[in-house]
Protein backbone atom coordinates (compact mmCIF):
# COMPACT_ATOMS: atom_id res chain seq x y z
CA UNK A 1 9.89 -4.21 11.30
CA UNK A 2 13.26 -5.78 12.05
CA UNK A 3 15.18 -8.66 10.58
CA UNK A 4 16.26 -10.85 13.50
CA UNK A 5 17.91 -14.14 14.48
CA UNK A 6 16.85 -16.41 17.24
CA UNK A 7 19.56 -18.84 18.34
CA UNK A 8 18.87 -22.13 20.05
CA UNK A 9 22.18 -23.65 21.25
CA UNK A 10 22.50 -27.31 22.21
CA UNK A 11 23.59 -28.03 25.76
CA UNK A 12 27.03 -29.67 26.13
CA UNK A 13 25.75 -32.36 28.48
CA UNK A 14 22.88 -34.71 27.81
CA UNK A 15 21.47 -35.82 24.55
CA UNK A 16 18.18 -35.83 22.84
CA UNK A 17 17.14 -37.16 19.40
CA UNK A 18 17.58 -34.66 16.63
CA UNK A 19 13.98 -35.18 15.66
CA UNK A 20 12.78 -34.19 19.11
CA UNK A 21 14.76 -30.97 19.00
CA UNK A 22 13.51 -30.06 15.64
CA UNK A 23 9.97 -30.76 16.80
CA UNK A 24 10.49 -28.51 19.89
CA UNK A 25 11.74 -25.70 17.65
CA UNK A 26 8.77 -26.12 15.30
CA UNK A 27 6.38 -25.82 18.16
CA UNK A 28 8.18 -22.76 19.46
CA UNK A 29 8.28 -20.94 16.18
CA UNK A 30 4.49 -21.80 15.71
CA UNK A 31 3.73 -20.36 19.15
CA UNK A 32 5.74 -17.15 18.38
CA UNK A 33 3.91 -16.69 15.06
CA UNK A 34 0.46 -17.08 16.71
CA UNK A 35 1.56 -14.71 19.46
CA UNK A 36 2.61 -12.12 16.82
CA UNK A 37 6.24 -11.97 17.83
CA UNK A 38 7.40 -13.59 14.65
CA UNK A 39 6.08 -13.11 11.15
CA UNK A 40 5.06 -16.21 9.30
CA UNK A 41 7.96 -16.29 6.86
CA UNK A 42 11.20 -17.52 8.49
CA UNK A 43 13.95 -19.93 7.93
CA UNK A 44 15.35 -22.45 10.42
CA UNK A 45 19.12 -23.28 9.80
CA UNK A 46 21.04 -26.14 11.44
CA UNK A 47 24.43 -24.95 12.67
CA UNK A 48 27.40 -26.66 14.39
CA UNK A 49 26.31 -25.59 17.83
CA UNK A 50 22.53 -25.70 17.45
CA UNK A 51 19.84 -24.02 15.39
CA UNK A 52 19.21 -20.42 14.21
CA UNK A 53 15.84 -19.04 13.22
CA UNK A 54 16.08 -16.14 10.75
CA UNK A 55 12.95 -14.06 10.50
CA UNK A 56 11.19 -10.79 10.91
CA UNK A 57 9.79 -9.21 14.09
CA UNK A 58 7.22 -6.38 13.93
CA UNK A 59 8.93 -4.30 16.67
CA UNK A 60 11.90 -4.48 19.02
CA UNK A 61 9.68 -5.47 21.98
CA UNK A 62 8.51 -8.60 20.16
CA UNK A 63 10.45 -11.04 22.42
CA UNK A 64 10.14 -9.39 25.77
CA UNK A 65 8.76 -11.75 28.41
CA UNK A 66 5.69 -9.55 29.31
CA UNK A 67 4.62 -9.83 25.64
CA UNK A 68 4.65 -13.68 25.69
CA UNK A 69 1.45 -15.65 26.02
CA UNK A 70 1.24 -18.93 27.95
CA UNK A 71 1.96 -21.01 24.84
CA UNK A 72 5.24 -19.27 24.16
CA UNK A 73 6.29 -19.63 27.80
CA UNK A 74 5.35 -23.28 27.74
CA UNK A 75 7.40 -23.97 24.60
CA UNK A 76 10.44 -22.02 25.88
CA UNK A 77 10.26 -23.82 29.24
CA UNK A 78 10.12 -27.12 27.36
CA UNK A 79 13.41 -26.62 25.45
CA UNK A 80 15.44 -27.92 28.39
CA UNK A 81 13.77 -31.35 28.13
CA UNK A 82 15.40 -31.80 24.66
CA UNK A 83 18.72 -30.35 25.85
CA UNK A 84 18.34 -27.00 24.15
CA UNK A 85 19.32 -23.71 25.73
CA UNK A 86 16.86 -20.86 26.07
CA UNK A 87 16.86 -18.70 22.91
CA UNK A 88 18.93 -15.59 22.49
CA UNK A 89 17.72 -12.84 20.21
CA UNK A 90 19.70 -10.52 18.01
CA UNK A 91 18.19 -7.76 15.80
CA UNK A 92 20.02 -7.44 12.56
CA UNK A 93 18.44 -4.26 11.16
CA UNK A 94 15.32 -2.46 10.13
CA UNK A 95 13.41 -3.86 7.09
CA UNK A 96 13.46 -1.16 4.30
CA UNK A 97 10.19 0.31 3.17
CA UNK A 98 8.25 -1.26 6.04
CA UNK A 99 5.59 0.61 7.94
CA UNK A 100 6.69 1.81 11.44
CA UNK A 101 4.99 0.35 14.49
CA UNK A 102 2.54 2.54 16.39
CA UNK A 103 4.17 4.53 19.23
CA UNK A 104 1.07 6.31 20.52
CA UNK A 105 0.73 6.24 24.30
CA UNK A 106 -3.05 6.15 23.68
CA UNK A 107 -5.20 5.87 20.61
CA UNK A 108 -8.74 6.72 19.71
CA UNK A 109 -9.24 3.44 17.88
CA UNK A 110 -7.93 0.94 15.30
CA UNK A 111 -8.70 -0.27 11.76
CA UNK A 112 -7.83 -3.39 9.69
CA UNK A 113 -5.82 -2.78 6.54
CA UNK A 114 -3.31 -4.81 4.52
CA UNK A 115 -2.41 -5.68 0.96
CA UNK A 116 -0.66 -8.50 -0.79
CA UNK A 117 2.52 -6.33 -0.49
CA UNK A 118 2.37 -5.60 3.20
CA UNK A 119 4.29 -7.67 5.73
CA UNK A 120 3.23 -5.68 8.78
CA UNK A 121 0.40 -6.88 11.02
CA UNK A 122 -2.93 -5.64 9.69
CA UNK A 123 -4.14 -3.82 12.80
CA UNK A 124 -3.45 -0.08 12.41
CA UNK A 125 -3.68 2.82 14.81
CA UNK A 126 -6.53 5.12 13.79
CA UNK A 127 -4.48 8.19 14.88
CA UNK A 128 -1.01 7.59 13.50
CA UNK A 129 -1.54 4.83 10.92
CA UNK A 130 1.25 2.88 12.52
CA UNK A 131 1.05 -0.92 12.58
CA UNK A 132 0.03 -2.47 15.92
CA UNK A 133 1.95 -5.71 16.77
CA UNK A 134 -0.64 -8.40 17.61
CA UNK A 135 0.98 -9.20 20.98
CA UNK A 136 0.26 -5.63 22.20
CA UNK A 137 -3.47 -6.30 21.99
CA UNK A 138 -5.28 -7.80 24.87
CA UNK A 139 -5.60 -11.51 24.50
CA UNK A 140 -8.88 -13.35 24.19
CA UNK A 141 -9.88 -16.26 26.38
CA UNK A 142 -7.82 -18.65 24.15
CA UNK A 143 -4.65 -16.58 24.70
CA UNK A 144 -4.21 -16.12 20.96
CA UNK A 145 -5.66 -14.14 18.02
CA UNK A 146 -6.44 -16.97 15.61
CA UNK A 147 -9.34 -15.24 13.89
CA UNK A 148 -7.17 -12.17 13.15
CA UNK A 149 -4.26 -14.16 11.78
CA UNK A 150 -6.58 -16.31 9.63
CA UNK A 151 -8.34 -13.23 8.24
CA UNK A 152 -4.95 -11.67 7.48
CA UNK A 153 -3.84 -14.62 5.32
CA UNK A 154 -7.18 -14.90 3.55
CA UNK A 155 -7.30 -11.20 2.77
CA UNK A 156 -3.80 -11.17 1.25
CA UNK A 157 -4.68 -14.32 -0.71
CA UNK A 158 -7.70 -12.53 -2.18
CA UNK A 159 -5.66 -9.38 -2.99
CA UNK A 160 -3.10 -11.56 -4.75
CA UNK A 161 -5.89 -13.05 -6.91
CA UNK A 162 -7.30 -9.72 -7.87
CA UNK A 163 -3.92 -8.11 -8.57
CA UNK A 164 -2.78 -11.12 -10.70
CA UNK A 165 -5.75 -10.58 -13.03
CA UNK A 166 -5.66 -14.10 -14.53
CA UNK A 167 -7.24 -16.57 -12.03
CA UNK A 168 -9.94 -15.65 -9.56
CA UNK A 169 -9.67 -11.83 -10.10
CA UNK A 170 -13.39 -11.16 -9.66
CA UNK A 171 -13.66 -13.51 -6.73
CA UNK A 172 -10.79 -11.83 -4.89
CA UNK A 173 -12.07 -8.29 -5.63
CA UNK A 174 -15.67 -9.28 -4.55
CA UNK A 175 -14.42 -10.79 -1.28
CA UNK A 176 -12.61 -7.54 -0.38
CA UNK A 177 -15.27 -5.07 -1.42
CA UNK A 178 -18.62 -6.73 -0.60
CA UNK A 179 -19.74 -6.37 2.96
CA UNK A 180 -21.64 -9.64 2.78
CA UNK A 181 -18.68 -11.70 1.60
CA UNK A 182 -17.25 -14.43 3.82
CA UNK A 183 -13.98 -12.44 3.97
CA UNK A 184 -15.71 -9.28 5.12
CA UNK A 185 -17.92 -11.12 7.62
CA UNK A 186 -14.85 -12.70 9.24
CA UNK A 187 -13.07 -9.34 9.19
CA UNK A 188 -16.00 -7.60 10.82
CA UNK A 189 -16.03 -10.28 13.41
CA UNK A 190 -12.33 -9.60 14.14
CA UNK A 191 -13.10 -5.87 14.49
CA UNK A 192 -15.83 -6.55 16.98
CA UNK A 193 -13.51 -8.85 18.98
CA UNK A 194 -10.72 -6.21 19.11
CA UNK A 195 -13.27 -3.64 20.20
CA UNK A 196 -14.54 -5.97 22.91
CA UNK A 197 -11.05 -6.62 24.23
CA UNK A 198 -9.79 -2.94 24.01
CA UNK A 199 -12.93 -0.94 24.47
CA UNK A 200 -11.97 1.07 21.37
CA UNK A 201 -13.78 1.35 17.99
CA UNK A 202 -12.15 -0.81 15.32
CA UNK A 203 -12.98 -0.01 11.66
CA UNK A 204 -13.17 -2.38 8.78
CA UNK A 205 -11.90 -1.36 5.33
CA UNK A 206 -13.89 -2.10 2.19
CA UNK A 207 -11.80 -2.15 -0.87
CA UNK A 208 -12.99 -0.22 -3.98
CA UNK A 209 -11.15 -0.91 -7.17
CA UNK A 210 -13.27 0.33 -10.04
CA UNK A 211 -15.88 3.03 -10.54
CA UNK A 212 -17.74 4.83 -13.29
CA UNK A 213 -16.94 8.42 -12.54
CA UNK A 214 -15.59 10.67 -9.78
CA UNK A 215 -19.01 12.35 -9.39
CA UNK A 216 -20.72 8.95 -8.93
CA UNK A 217 -18.08 7.93 -6.46
CA UNK A 218 -18.47 10.89 -4.20
CA UNK A 219 -22.22 10.25 -4.05
CA UNK A 220 -21.78 6.78 -2.70
CA UNK A 221 -23.46 6.05 0.66
CA UNK A 222 -22.44 3.78 3.46
CA UNK A 223 -23.36 0.28 2.38
CA UNK A 224 -24.55 -0.67 5.80
CA UNK A 225 -26.74 2.22 7.01
CA UNK A 226 -27.12 4.31 3.78
CA UNK A 227 -25.80 7.36 5.49
CA UNK A 228 -23.40 10.02 4.22
CA UNK A 229 -19.73 8.98 4.91
CA UNK A 230 -17.65 11.09 2.44
CA UNK A 231 -14.75 12.85 4.33
CA UNK A 232 -13.66 16.43 3.68
CA UNK A 233 -10.06 15.16 3.53
CA UNK A 234 -8.85 11.60 3.06
CA UNK A 235 -7.89 9.82 6.27
CA UNK A 236 -4.16 9.00 6.15
CA UNK A 237 -4.18 9.92 2.46
CA UNK A 238 -6.10 6.84 1.33
CA UNK A 239 -9.54 6.60 2.99
CA UNK A 240 -12.15 8.88 1.45
CA UNK A 241 -15.10 7.40 3.27
CA UNK A 242 -15.64 6.83 7.02
CA UNK A 243 -18.83 5.76 8.76
CA UNK A 244 -18.58 6.23 12.53
CA UNK A 245 -21.91 4.49 13.06
CA UNK A 246 -21.06 1.26 11.17
CA UNK A 247 -17.26 1.50 11.68
CA UNK A 248 -16.43 1.19 8.00
CA UNK A 249 -13.74 2.74 5.80
CA UNK A 250 -13.43 2.87 2.02
CA UNK A 251 -11.88 4.79 -0.82
CA UNK A 252 -12.93 6.51 -4.06
CA UNK A 253 -12.35 3.84 -6.71
CA UNK A 254 -8.66 3.45 -7.38
CA UNK A 255 -9.13 3.60 -11.17
CA UNK A 256 -10.43 7.17 -11.00
CA UNK A 257 -9.07 8.43 -7.70
């Protein structure tokens, strides 16, 4: 991931109300977030010659025109109506300790994984474990990935509750670990949608925080089909269980792993 600045200069000729310009910038940043080009935490600063958006991009190709959806194109085309120049992008540097973006020419599949600490998009390459920027995925009929972005926020909110250990810990943990929870159901729906759009299997991760013993954990069966899913070696060093029939991943309980 990369720290970046997006500059929106004001045109020398013509005038538009400041409120109209701010609104146009707000619509543009919202479209960029939903497109996956800009992560949801950013700052907009007013400067003498216009505005600058300081934020984080998942990869260097985040602002290339082929990766824009129709909403981004529409918002950029509309800047001229409020006397703003088309944005210029400058990458400031890599974000320390962030996961690299996937660079595989082809992949055998994807999986969903994030935590309250991760800033990267939650779609991962099954082969290299690299993060897959949302805009690289085929777009649905709506042109956006609203379900994926909603699940991402909800999952991190639940993980924050369970890691905080004071308010809603059991609720957060249950949402992440129970296949029947509303969070898991929405995540499984996202996986099916990605598989429909890409034609590639997309696995869903079921969090496992606590267990009684290592011997009991390795005997666990897939919660969907009841089949054996223990791997000989952990996938990417963290997933001990993988069911290729139900497209599920999980781990030996973190408290005894």
